[in-house]
PDB file of N, CA and C in Angstrom:
ATOM      1  N   MET A   1      -0.004 -13.611  30.682  1.00  0.00           N
ATOM      2  CA  MET A   1       0.251 -12.243  30.295  1.00  0.00           C
ATOM      3  C   MET A   1       1.454 -11.729  31.059  1.00  0.00           C
ATOM      4  N   SER A   2       2.298 -10.943  30.413  1.00  0.00           N
ATOM      5  CA  SER A   2       3.497 -10.439  31.062  1.00  0.00           C
ATOM      6  C   SER A   2       3.144  -9.349  32.065  1.00  0.00           C
ATOM      7  N   ARG A   3       4.032  -9.136  33.011  1.00  0.00           N
ATOM      8  CA  ARG A   3       3.821  -8.120  34.036  1.00  0.00           C
ATOM      9  C   ARG A   3       4.027  -6.741  33.425  1.00  0.00           C
ATOM     10  N   LEU A   4       3.263  -5.789  33.900  1.00  0.00           N
ATOM     11  CA  LEU A   4       3.350  -4.416  33.408  1.00  0.00           C
ATOM     12  C   LEU A   4       4.283  -3.619  34.293  1.00  0.00           C
ATOM     13  N   ASP A   5       5.065  -2.714  33.660  1.00  0.00           N
ATOM     14  CA  ASP A   5       5.866  -1.812  34.482  1.00  0.00           C
ATOM     15  C   ASP A   5       4.962  -0.676  34.975  1.00  0.00           C
ATOM     16  N   THR A   6       5.507   0.226  35.762  1.00  0.00           N
ATOM     17  CA  THR A   6       4.705   1.286  36.378  1.00  0.00           C
ATOM     18  C   THR A   6       4.001   2.153  35.344  1.00  0.00           C
ATOM     19  N   ASP A   7       4.721   2.564  34.301  1.00  0.00           N
ATOM     20  CA  ASP A   7       4.127   3.416  33.266  1.00  0.00           C
ATOM     21  C   ASP A   7       2.993   2.698  32.537  1.00  0.00           C
ATOM     22  N   GLU A   8       3.234   1.438  32.187  1.00  0.00           N
ATOM     23  CA  GLU A   8       2.203   0.670  31.495  1.00  0.00           C
ATOM     24  C   GLU A   8       0.958   0.493  32.370  1.00  0.00           C
ATOM     25  N   ALA A   9       1.155   0.257  33.654  1.00  0.00           N
ATOM     26  CA  ALA A   9       0.022   0.087  34.571  1.00  0.00           C
ATOM     27  C   ALA A   9      -0.784   1.379  34.674  1.00  0.00           C
ATOM     28  N   GLU A  10      -0.095   2.530  34.691  1.00  0.00           N
ATOM     29  CA  GLU A  10      -0.791   3.818  34.747  1.00  0.00           C
ATOM     30  C   GLU A  10      -1.609   4.055  33.483  1.00  0.00           C
ATOM     31  N   ILE A  11      -1.037   3.740  32.337  1.00  0.00           N
ATOM     32  CA  ILE A  11      -1.751   3.919  31.065  1.00  0.00           C
ATOM     33  C   ILE A  11      -2.971   3.008  31.016  1.00  0.00           C
ATOM     34  N   LEU A  12      -2.803   1.757  31.425  1.00  0.00           N
ATOM     35  CA  LEU A  12      -3.923   0.814  31.426  1.00  0.00           C
ATOM     36  C   LEU A  12      -5.028   1.287  32.369  1.00  0.00           C
ATOM     37  N   ALA A  13      -4.653   1.762  33.539  1.00  0.00           N
ATOM     38  CA  ALA A  13      -5.651   2.248  34.502  1.00  0.00           C
ATOM     39  C   ALA A  13      -6.393   3.462  33.940  1.00  0.00           C
ATOM     40  N   ALA A  14      -5.675   4.381  33.288  1.00  0.00           N
ATOM     41  CA  ALA A  14      -6.306   5.563  32.699  1.00  0.00           C
ATOM     42  C   ALA A  14      -7.264   5.160  31.583  1.00  0.00           C
ATOM     43  N   TYR A  15      -6.858   4.176  30.767  1.00  0.00           N
ATOM     44  CA  TYR A  15      -7.712   3.701  29.682  1.00  0.00           C
ATOM     45  C   TYR A  15      -8.988   3.078  30.242  1.00  0.00           C
ATOM     46  N   GLU A  16      -8.820   2.199  31.221  1.00  0.00           N
ATOM     47  CA  GLU A  16      -9.977   1.508  31.798  1.00  0.00           C
ATOM     48  C   GLU A  16     -10.917   2.475  32.517  1.00  0.00           C
ATOM     49  N   ALA A  17     -10.367   3.591  33.036  1.00  0.00           N
ATOM     50  CA  ALA A  17     -11.197   4.583  33.728  1.00  0.00           C
ATOM     51  C   ALA A  17     -11.828   5.577  32.753  1.00  0.00           C
ATOM     52  N   GLY A  18     -11.479   5.479  31.467  1.00  0.00           N
ATOM     53  CA  GLY A  18     -12.044   6.368  30.458  1.00  0.00           C
ATOM     54  C   GLY A  18     -11.456   7.767  30.468  1.00  0.00           C
ATOM     55  N   ARG A  19     -10.248   7.910  31.006  1.00  0.00           N
ATOM     56  CA  ARG A  19      -9.613   9.228  31.071  1.00  0.00           C
ATOM     57  C   ARG A  19      -8.794   9.566  29.831  1.00  0.00           C
ATOM     58  N   LEU A  20      -8.642   8.651  28.908  1.00  0.00           N
ATOM     59  CA  LEU A  20      -7.872   8.916  27.684  1.00  0.00           C
ATOM     60  C   LEU A  20      -8.811   9.371  26.578  1.00  0.00           C
ATOM     61  N   ILE A  21      -8.375  10.363  25.828  1.00  0.00           N
ATOM     62  CA  ILE A  21      -9.184  10.850  24.710  1.00  0.00           C
ATOM     63  C   ILE A  21      -8.347  10.813  23.443  1.00  0.00           C
ATOM     64  N   SER A  22      -9.007  10.614  22.324  1.00  0.00           N
ATOM     65  CA  SER A  22      -8.335  10.597  21.036  1.00  0.00           C
ATOM     66  C   SER A  22      -8.001  12.024  20.623  1.00  0.00           C
ATOM     67  N   VAL A  23      -6.806  12.220  20.092  1.00  0.00           N
ATOM     68  CA  VAL A  23      -6.415  13.549  19.631  1.00  0.00           C
ATOM     69  C   VAL A  23      -6.563  13.683  18.118  1.00  0.00           C
ATOM     70  N   GLY A  24      -6.884  12.596  17.438  1.00  0.00           N
ATOM     71  CA  GLY A  24      -7.050  12.634  15.990  1.00  0.00           C
ATOM     72  C   GLY A  24      -8.502  12.850  15.597  1.00  0.00           C
ATOM     73  N   SER A  25      -8.679  13.514  14.458  1.00  0.00           N
ATOM     74  CA  SER A  25     -10.037  13.697  13.949  1.00  0.00           C
ATOM     75  C   SER A  25     -10.531  12.383  13.357  1.00  0.00           C
ATOM     76  N   LYS A  26     -11.823  12.255  13.157  1.00  0.00           N
ATOM     77  CA  LYS A  26     -12.371  11.033  12.574  1.00  0.00           C
ATOM     78  C   LYS A  26     -11.812  10.795  11.175  1.00  0.00           C
ATOM     79  N   ALA A  27     -11.637  11.878  10.402  1.00  0.00           N
ATOM     80  CA  ALA A  27     -11.084  11.746   9.053  1.00  0.00           C
ATOM     81  C   ALA A  27      -9.636  11.253   9.101  1.00  0.00           C
ATOM     82  N   GLU A  28      -8.858  11.785  10.043  1.00  0.00           N
ATOM     83  CA  GLU A  28      -7.460  11.362  10.159  1.00  0.00           C
ATOM     84  C   GLU A  28      -7.371   9.908  10.593  1.00  0.00           C
ATOM     85  N   ILE A  29      -8.198   9.516  11.533  1.00  0.00           N
ATOM     86  CA  ILE A  29      -8.203   8.123  11.990  1.00  0.00           C
ATOM     87  C   ILE A  29      -8.591   7.189  10.851  1.00  0.00           C
ATOM     88  N   ALA A  30      -9.588   7.562  10.061  1.00  0.00           N
ATOM     89  CA  ALA A  30     -10.005   6.741   8.921  1.00  0.00           C
ATOM     90  C   ALA A  30      -8.882   6.631   7.893  1.00  0.00           C
ATOM     91  N   ARG A  31      -8.199   7.745   7.642  1.00  0.00           N
ATOM     92  CA  ARG A  31      -7.079   7.741   6.686  1.00  0.00           C
ATOM     93  C   ARG A  31      -5.953   6.829   7.176  1.00  0.00           C
ATOM     94  N   LEU A  32      -5.623   6.909   8.458  1.00  0.00           N
ATOM     95  CA  LEU A  32      -4.552   6.080   9.008  1.00  0.00           C
ATOM     96  C   LEU A  32      -4.935   4.600   9.031  1.00  0.00           C
ATOM     97  N   ARG A  33      -6.198   4.308   9.315  1.00  0.00           N
ATOM     98  CA  ARG A  33      -6.652   2.907   9.274  1.00  0.00           C
ATOM     99  C   ARG A  33      -6.548   2.341   7.863  1.00  0.00           C
ATOM    100  N   ALA A  34      -6.946   3.134   6.877  1.00  0.00           N
ATOM    101  CA  ALA A  34      -6.860   2.682   5.483  1.00  0.00           C
ATOM    102  C   ALA A  34      -5.408   2.446   5.085  1.00  0.00           C
ATOM    103  N   ALA A  35      -4.535   3.335   5.509  1.00  0.00           N
ATOM    104  CA  ALA A  35      -3.109   3.171   5.193  1.00  0.00           C
ATOM    105  C   ALA A  35      -2.550   1.917   5.857  1.00  0.00           C
ATOM    106  N   ALA A  36      -2.944   1.661   7.092  1.00  0.00           N
ATOM    107  CA  ALA A  36      -2.471   0.472   7.798  1.00  0.00           C
ATOM    108  C   ALA A  36      -2.965  -0.796   7.110  1.00  0.00           C
ATOM    109  N   ARG A  37      -4.229  -0.795   6.685  1.00  0.00           N
ATOM    110  CA  ARG A  37      -4.766  -1.969   5.977  1.00  0.00           C
ATOM    111  C   ARG A  37      -4.027  -2.202   4.666  1.00  0.00           C
ATOM    112  N   ALA A  38      -3.781  -1.123   3.919  1.00  0.00           N
ATOM    113  CA  ALA A  38      -3.093  -1.257   2.631  1.00  0.00           C
ATOM    114  C   ALA A  38      -1.668  -1.752   2.822  1.00  0.00           C
ATOM    115  N   THR A  39      -1.024  -1.309   3.891  1.00  0.00           N
ATOM    116  CA  THR A  39       0.349  -1.732   4.165  1.00  0.00           C
ATOM    117  C   THR A  39       0.389  -3.197   4.580  1.00  0.00           C
ATOM    118  N   ALA A  40      -0.604  -3.631   5.326  1.00  0.00           N
ATOM    119  CA  ALA A  40      -0.605  -4.994   5.852  1.00  0.00           C
ATOM    120  C   ALA A  40      -0.985  -6.039   4.816  1.00  0.00           C
ATOM    121  N   ILE A  41      -1.607  -5.630   3.724  1.00  0.00           N
ATOM    122  CA  ILE A  41      -2.027  -6.597   2.704  1.00  0.00           C
ATOM    123  C   ILE A  41      -0.805  -7.087   1.946  1.00  0.00           C
ATOM    124  N   LYS A  42      -0.619  -8.385   1.995  1.00  0.00           N
ATOM    125  CA  LYS A  42       0.496  -8.995   1.273  1.00  0.00           C
ATOM    126  C   LYS A  42      -0.120  -9.921   0.240  1.00  0.00           C
ATOM    127  N   ASP A  43      -0.279  -9.401  -0.972  1.00  0.00           N
ATOM    128  CA  ASP A  43      -0.992 -10.154  -1.992  1.00  0.00           C
ATOM    129  C   ASP A  43      -0.082 -10.665  -3.104  1.00  0.00           C
ATOM    130  N   ARG A  44       1.211 -10.533  -2.934  1.00  0.00           N
ATOM    131  CA  ARG A  44       2.155 -11.017  -3.944  1.00  0.00           C
ATOM    132  C   ARG A  44       3.198 -11.914  -3.288  1.00  0.00           C
ATOM    133  N   ARG A  45       3.604 -12.925  -4.029  1.00  0.00           N
ATOM    134  CA  ARG A  45       4.644 -13.839  -3.561  1.00  0.00           C
ATOM    135  C   ARG A  45       5.880 -13.625  -4.434  1.00  0.00           C
ATOM    136  N   VAL A  46       7.038 -13.602  -3.801  1.00  0.00           N
ATOM    137  CA  VAL A  46       8.299 -13.409  -4.510  1.00  0.00           C
ATOM    138  C   VAL A  46       9.257 -14.511  -4.092  1.00  0.00           C
ATOM    139  N   ASN A  47       9.932 -15.089  -5.041  1.00  0.00           N
ATOM    140  CA  ASN A  47      10.969 -16.080  -4.755  1.00  0.00           C
ATOM    141  C   ASN A  47      12.318 -15.475  -5.097  1.00  0.00           C
ATOM    142  N   ILE A  48      13.263 -15.561  -4.170  1.00  0.00           N
ATOM    143  CA  ILE A  48      14.608 -15.053  -4.426  1.00  0.00           C
ATOM    144  C   ILE A  48      15.620 -16.112  -4.018  1.00  0.00           C
ATOM    145  N   ARG A  49      16.776 -16.025  -4.603  1.00  0.00           N
ATOM    146  CA  ARG A  49      17.864 -16.924  -4.234  1.00  0.00           C
ATOM    147  C   ARG A  49      18.871 -16.144  -3.412  1.00  0.00           C
ATOM    148  N   LEU A  50      19.246 -16.721  -2.279  1.00  0.00           N
ATOM    149  CA  LEU A  50      20.238 -16.126  -1.388  1.00  0.00           C
ATOM    150  C   LEU A  50      21.329 -17.153  -1.131  1.00  0.00           C
ATOM    151  N   SER A  51      22.505 -16.660  -0.799  1.00  0.00           N
ATOM    152  CA  SER A  51      23.555 -17.606  -0.415  1.00  0.00           C
ATOM    153  C   SER A  51      23.172 -18.209   0.935  1.00  0.00           C
ATOM    154  N   ALA A  52      23.648 -19.405   1.192  1.00  0.00           N
ATOM    155  CA  ALA A  52      23.337 -20.080   2.453  1.00  0.00           C
ATOM    156  C   ALA A  52      23.815 -19.238   3.636  1.00  0.00           C
ATOM    157  N   GLY A  53      24.969 -18.624   3.506  1.00  0.00           N
ATOM    158  CA  GLY A  53      25.508 -17.805   4.593  1.00  0.00           C
ATOM    159  C   GLY A  53      24.656 -16.583   4.873  1.00  0.00           C
ATOM    160  N   ASP A  54      24.198 -15.903   3.798  1.00  0.00           N
ATOM    161  CA  ASP A  54      23.334 -14.735   3.987  1.00  0.00           C
ATOM    162  C   ASP A  54      22.022 -15.127   4.646  1.00  0.00           C
ATOM    163  N   LEU A  55      21.446 -16.255   4.224  1.00  0.00           N
ATOM    164  CA  LEU A  55      20.197 -16.707   4.820  1.00  0.00           C
ATOM    165  C   LEU A  55      20.390 -17.030   6.298  1.00  0.00           C
ATOM    166  N   GLN A  56      21.496 -17.675   6.634  1.00  0.00           N
ATOM    167  CA  GLN A  56      21.772 -17.976   8.045  1.00  0.00           C
ATOM    168  C   GLN A  56      21.915 -16.688   8.848  1.00  0.00           C
ATOM    169  N   ASP A  57      22.595 -15.694   8.282  1.00  0.00           N
ATOM    170  CA  ASP A  57      22.758 -14.409   8.974  1.00  0.00           C
ATOM    171  C   ASP A  57      21.406 -13.720   9.179  1.00  0.00           C
ATOM    172  N   ILE A  58      20.562 -13.756   8.146  1.00  0.00           N
ATOM    173  CA  ILE A  58      19.225 -13.154   8.249  1.00  0.00           C
ATOM    174  C   ILE A  58      18.405 -13.873   9.311  1.00  0.00           C
ATOM    175  N   GLN A  59      18.446 -15.203   9.307  1.00  0.00           N
ATOM    176  CA  GLN A  59      17.686 -15.968  10.286  1.00  0.00           C
ATOM    177  C   GLN A  59      18.178 -15.693  11.709  1.00  0.00           C
ATOM    178  N   ALA A  60      19.485 -15.556  11.884  1.00  0.00           N
ATOM    179  CA  ALA A  60      20.035 -15.253  13.207  1.00  0.00           C
ATOM    180  C   ALA A  60      19.601 -13.865  13.666  1.00  0.00           C
ATOM    181  N   ARG A  61      19.631 -12.890  12.749  1.00  0.00           N
ATOM    182  CA  ARG A  61      19.220 -11.525  13.103  1.00  0.00           C
ATOM    183  C   ARG A  61      17.728 -11.492  13.441  1.00  0.00           C
ATOM    184  N   ALA A  62      16.931 -12.218  12.663  1.00  0.00           N
ATOM    185  CA  ALA A  62      15.484 -12.265  12.925  1.00  0.00           C
ATOM    186  C   ALA A  62      15.205 -12.902  14.277  1.00  0.00           C
ATOM    187  N   LEU A  63      15.928 -13.960  14.602  1.00  0.00           N
ATOM    188  CA  LEU A  63      15.763 -14.611  15.899  1.00  0.00           C
ATOM    189  C   LEU A  63      16.096 -13.640  17.024  1.00  0.00           C
ATOM    190  N   ALA A  64      17.173 -12.882  16.855  1.00  0.00           N
ATOM    191  CA  ALA A  64      17.560 -11.890  17.867  1.00  0.00           C
ATOM    192  C   ALA A  64      16.505 -10.796  18.008  1.00  0.00           C
ATOM    193  N   GLU A  65      15.826 -10.464  16.899  1.00  0.00           N
ATOM    194  CA  GLU A  65      14.782  -9.437  16.918  1.00  0.00           C
ATOM    195  C   GLU A  65      13.428  -9.998  17.354  1.00  0.00           C
ATOM    196  N   GLY A  66      13.319 -11.341  17.424  1.00  0.00           N
ATOM    197  CA  GLY A  66      12.073 -11.969  17.851  1.00  0.00           C
ATOM    198  C   GLY A  66      10.994 -11.965  16.790  1.00  0.00           C
ATOM    199  N   MET A  67      11.404 -12.147  15.536  1.00  0.00           N
ATOM    200  CA  MET A  67      10.423 -12.172  14.446  1.00  0.00           C
ATOM    201  C   MET A  67      10.803 -13.234  13.424  1.00  0.00           C
ATOM    202  N   PRO A  68       9.846 -13.686  12.624  1.00  0.00           N
ATOM    203  CA  PRO A  68      10.165 -14.627  11.544  1.00  0.00           C
ATOM    204  C   PRO A  68      11.098 -13.969  10.520  1.00  0.00           C
ATOM    205  N   TYR A  69      11.985 -14.757   9.921  1.00  0.00           N
ATOM    206  CA  TYR A  69      12.954 -14.160   8.998  1.00  0.00           C
ATOM    207  C   TYR A  69      12.285 -13.582   7.755  1.00  0.00           C
ATOM    208  N   GLN A  70      11.154 -14.165   7.315  1.00  0.00           N
ATOM    209  CA  GLN A  70      10.458 -13.603   6.160  1.00  0.00           C
ATOM    210  C   GLN A  70       9.931 -12.205   6.474  1.00  0.00           C
ATOM    211  N   THR A  71       9.467 -12.007   7.696  1.00  0.00           N
ATOM    212  CA  THR A  71       8.977 -10.699   8.118  1.00  0.00           C
ATOM    213  C   THR A  71      10.117  -9.690   8.133  1.00  0.00           C
ATOM    214  N   LEU A  72      11.283 -10.105   8.598  1.00  0.00           N
ATOM    215  CA  LEU A  72      12.452  -9.223   8.607  1.00  0.00           C
ATOM    216  C   LEU A  72      12.837  -8.817   7.189  1.00  0.00           C
ATOM    217  N   ILE A  73      12.864  -9.777   6.273  1.00  0.00           N
ATOM    218  CA  ILE A  73      13.197  -9.475   4.876  1.00  0.00           C
ATOM    219  C   ILE A  73      12.187  -8.492   4.297  1.00  0.00           C
ATOM    220  N   ALA A  74      10.888  -8.742   4.514  1.00  0.00           N
ATOM    221  CA  ALA A  74       9.847  -7.847   4.000  1.00  0.00           C
ATOM    222  C   ALA A  74       9.988  -6.452   4.595  1.00  0.00           C
ATOM    223  N   SER A  75      10.329  -6.365   5.878  1.00  0.00           N
ATOM    224  CA  SER A  75      10.493  -5.076   6.540  1.00  0.00           C
ATOM    225  C   SER A  75      11.665  -4.298   5.947  1.00  0.00           C
ATOM    226  N   VAL A  76      12.769  -4.968   5.731  1.00  0.00           N
ATOM    227  CA  VAL A  76      13.942  -4.302   5.151  1.00  0.00           C
ATOM    228  C   VAL A  76      13.630  -3.810   3.738  1.00  0.00           C
ATOM    229  N   LEU A  77      12.976  -4.637   2.943  1.00  0.00           N
ATOM    230  CA  LEU A  77      12.619  -4.226   1.588  1.00  0.00           C
ATOM    231  C   LEU A  77      11.646  -3.048   1.609  1.00  0.00           C
ATOM    232  N   HIS A  78      10.664  -3.084   2.508  1.00  0.00           N
ATOM    233  CA  HIS A  78       9.705  -1.979   2.607  1.00  0.00           C
ATOM    234  C   HIS A  78      10.415  -0.677   2.992  1.00  0.00           C
ATOM    235  N   LYS A  79      11.308  -0.748   3.960  1.00  0.00           N
ATOM    236  CA  LYS A  79      12.049   0.450   4.364  1.00  0.00           C
ATOM    237  C   LYS A  79      12.907   0.972   3.212  1.00  0.00           C
ATOM    238  N   TYR A  80      13.478   0.071   2.435  1.00  0.00           N
ATOM    239  CA  TYR A  80      14.309   0.495   1.303  1.00  0.00           C
ATOM    240  C   TYR A  80      13.481   1.239   0.261  1.00  0.00           C
ATOM    241  N   VAL A  81      12.360   0.669  -0.140  1.00  0.00           N
ATOM    242  CA  VAL A  81      11.577   1.295  -1.214  1.00  0.00           C
ATOM    243  C   VAL A  81      10.878   2.569  -0.765  1.00  0.00           C
ATOM    244  N   THR A  82      10.670   2.737   0.547  1.00  0.00           N
ATOM    245  CA  THR A  82      10.048   3.965   1.034  1.00  0.00           C
ATOM    246  C   THR A  82      11.096   5.001   1.449  1.00  0.00           C
ATOM    247  N   GLY A  83      12.374   4.683   1.255  1.00  0.00           N
ATOM    248  CA  GLY A  83      13.439   5.635   1.555  1.00  0.00           C
ATOM    249  C   GLY A  83      13.765   5.769   3.027  1.00  0.00           C
ATOM    250  N   ARG A  84      13.295   4.838   3.850  1.00  0.00           N
ATOM    251  CA  ARG A  84      13.554   4.927   5.285  1.00  0.00           C
ATOM    252  C   ARG A  84      14.692   4.035   5.752  1.00  0.00           C
ATOM    253  N   LEU A  85      15.277   3.256   4.850  1.00  0.00           N
ATOM    254  CA  LEU A  85      16.403   2.412   5.222  1.00  0.00           C
ATOM    255  C   LEU A  85      17.650   3.274   5.197  1.00  0.00           C
ATOM    256  N   GLN A  86      18.316   3.374   6.320  1.00  0.00           N
ATOM    257  CA  GLN A  86      19.495   4.224   6.413  1.00  0.00           C
ATOM    258  C   GLN A  86      20.727   3.371   6.613  1.00  0.00           C
ATOM    259  N   GLU A  87      21.744   3.673   5.827  1.00  0.00           N
ATOM    260  CA  GLU A  87      23.002   2.967   5.943  1.00  0.00           C
ATOM    261  C   GLU A  87      23.812   3.604   7.053  1.00  0.00           C
ATOM    262  N   ARG A  88      24.461   2.785   7.857  1.00  0.00           N
ATOM    263  CA  ARG A  88      25.339   3.334   8.887  1.00  0.00           C
ATOM    264  C   ARG A  88      26.706   2.687   8.755  1.00  0.00           C
ATOM    265  N   LYS A  89      27.695   3.420   9.190  1.00  0.00           N
ATOM    266  CA  LYS A  89      29.064   2.922   9.108  1.00  0.00           C
ATOM    267  C   LYS A  89      29.249   1.795  10.105  1.00  0.00           C
ATOM    268  N   ARG A  90      30.102   0.843   9.755  1.00  0.00           N
ATOM    269  CA  ARG A  90      30.367  -0.276  10.656  1.00  0.00           C
ATOM    270  C   ARG A  90      30.922   0.232  11.978  1.00  0.00           C
ATOM    271  N   GLY A  91      30.452  -0.376  13.041  1.00  0.00           N
ATOM    272  CA  GLY A  91      30.962  -0.031  14.352  1.00  0.00           C
ATOM    273  C   GLY A  91      30.275   1.150  15.001  1.00  0.00           C
ATOM    274  N   THR A  92      29.290   1.765  14.312  1.00  0.00           N
ATOM    275  CA  THR A  92      28.572   2.881  14.913  1.00  0.00           C
ATOM    276  C   THR A  92      27.154   2.455  15.211  1.00  0.00           C
ATOM    277  N   GLY A  93      26.495   3.167  16.040  1.00  0.00           N
ATOM    278  CA  GLY A  93      25.107   2.875  16.349  1.00  0.00           C
ATOM    279  C   GLY A  93      24.976   1.858  17.444  1.00  0.00           C
ATOM    280  N   PRO A  94      23.734   1.566  17.827  1.00  0.00           N
ATOM    281  CA  PRO A  94      23.486   0.686  18.965  1.00  0.00           C
ATOM    282  C   PRO A  94      23.718  -0.785  18.695  1.00  0.00           C
ATOM    283  N   ALA A  95      23.667  -1.209  17.426  1.00  0.00           N
ATOM    284  CA  ALA A  95      23.803  -2.632  17.121  1.00  0.00           C
ATOM    285  C   ALA A  95      25.256  -3.067  17.250  1.00  0.00           C
ATOM    286  N   LYS A  96      25.454  -4.230  17.841  1.00  0.00           N
ATOM    287  CA  LYS A  96      26.800  -4.778  17.962  1.00  0.00           C
ATOM    288  C   LYS A  96      27.095  -5.592  16.711  1.00  0.00           C
ATOM    289  N   PRO A  97      28.351  -5.619  16.267  1.00  0.00           N
ATOM    290  CA  PRO A  97      28.679  -6.431  15.087  1.00  0.00           C
ATOM    291  C   PRO A  97      28.368  -7.898  15.347  1.00  0.00           C
ATOM    292  N   ALA A  98      27.899  -8.575  14.317  1.00  0.00           N
ATOM    293  CA  ALA A  98      27.562  -9.991  14.446  1.00  0.00           C
ATOM    294  C   ALA A  98      28.825 -10.803  14.677  1.00  0.00           C
ATOM    295  N   ALA A  99      28.704 -11.839  15.487  1.00  0.00           N
ATOM    296  CA  ALA A  99      29.842 -12.704  15.762  1.00  0.00           C
ATOM    297  C   ALA A  99      30.161 -13.531  14.524  1.00  0.00           C
ATOM    298  N   LYS A 100      31.425 -13.788  14.305  1.00  0.00           N
ATOM    299  CA  LYS A 100      31.840 -14.600  13.166  1.00  0.00           C
ATOM    300  C   LYS A 100      31.468 -16.052  13.422  1.00  0.00           C
ATOM    301  N   ARG A 101      30.975 -16.713  12.397  1.00  0.00           N
ATOM    302  CA  ARG A 101      30.662 -18.134  12.508  1.00  0.00           C
ATOM    303  C   ARG A 101      31.939 -18.939  12.342  1.00  0.00           C
ATOM    304  N   ALA A 102      31.961 -20.088  13.004  1.00  0.00           N
ATOM    305  CA  ALA A 102      33.130 -20.949  12.931  1.00  0.00           C
ATOM    306  C   ALA A 102      33.248 -21.628  11.572  1.00  0.00           C
ATOM    307  N   THR A 103      32.126 -21.814  10.892  1.00  0.00           N
ATOM    308  CA  THR A 103      32.158 -22.492   9.602  1.00  0.00           C
ATOM    309  C   THR A 103      32.507 -21.510   8.496  1.00  0.00           C
ATOM    310  N   ARG A 104      33.122 -22.016   7.453  1.00  0.00           N
ATOM    311  CA  ARG A 104      33.544 -21.197   6.326  1.00  0.00           C
ATOM    312  C   ARG A 104      32.489 -21.261   5.246  1.00  0.00           C
ATOM    313  N   ARG A 105      32.171 -20.120   4.659  1.00  0.00           N
ATOM    314  CA  ARG A 105      31.203 -20.101   3.557  1.00  0.00           C
ATOM    315  C   ARG A 105      31.836 -20.731   2.325  1.00  0.00           C
ATOM    316  N   THR A 106      31.031 -21.476   1.604  1.00  0.00           N
ATOM    317  CA  THR A 106      31.492 -22.142   0.403  1.00  0.00           C
ATOM    318  C   THR A 106      31.145 -21.286  -0.813  1.00  0.00           C
ATOM    319  N   THR A 107      32.122 -21.118  -1.689  1.00  0.00           N
ATOM    320  CA  THR A 107      31.882 -20.402  -2.943  1.00  0.00           C
ATOM    321  C   THR A 107      32.000 -21.391  -4.089  1.00  0.00           C
ATOM    322  N   ARG A 108      31.603 -20.942  -5.262  1.00  0.00           N
ATOM    323  CA  ARG A 108      31.672 -21.835  -6.424  1.00  0.00           C
ATOM    324  C   ARG A 108      33.112 -22.273  -6.710  1.00  0.00           C
ATOM    325  N   SER A 109      34.079 -21.413  -6.432  1.00  0.00           N
ATOM    326  CA  SER A 109      35.462 -21.764  -6.701  1.00  0.00           C
ATOM    327  C   SER A 109      35.975 -22.824  -5.731  1.00  0.00           C
ATOM    328  N   ASP A 110      35.280 -23.002  -4.571  1.00  0.00           N
ATOM    329  CA  ASP A 110      35.684 -24.014  -3.608  1.00  0.00           C
ATOM    330  C   ASP A 110      35.234 -25.407  -4.044  1.00  0.00           C
ATOM    331  N   ALA A 111      34.238 -25.487  -4.876  1.00  0.00           N
ATOM    332  CA  ALA A 111      33.655 -26.783  -5.243  1.00  0.00           C
ATOM    333  C   ALA A 111      34.572 -27.586  -6.129  1.00  0.00           C
TER     334      ALA A 111
END
């Protein structure tokens, strides 16, 4: 198990001592649990075709985020359909631009 920082240790100690109380009503907690279950259910399979370069970029980004690339794709699609995916201008925000790969992407005209 990883080491806890000071804040995490305080929260854990408060939880174990029974000093934490729920601020949600039973109805709200039940509603949120149902929503979480419905969101987590993945009952459909989708096959898509991506360029090799795009897939490599997705896999690299997923590795940097510490998640499987399929999970990253599903997360991006979910954010898009729920209106939470926000476009940002290049060079702004906390993310650094991805490094250019040394290999050249192949297009149909190159073949």
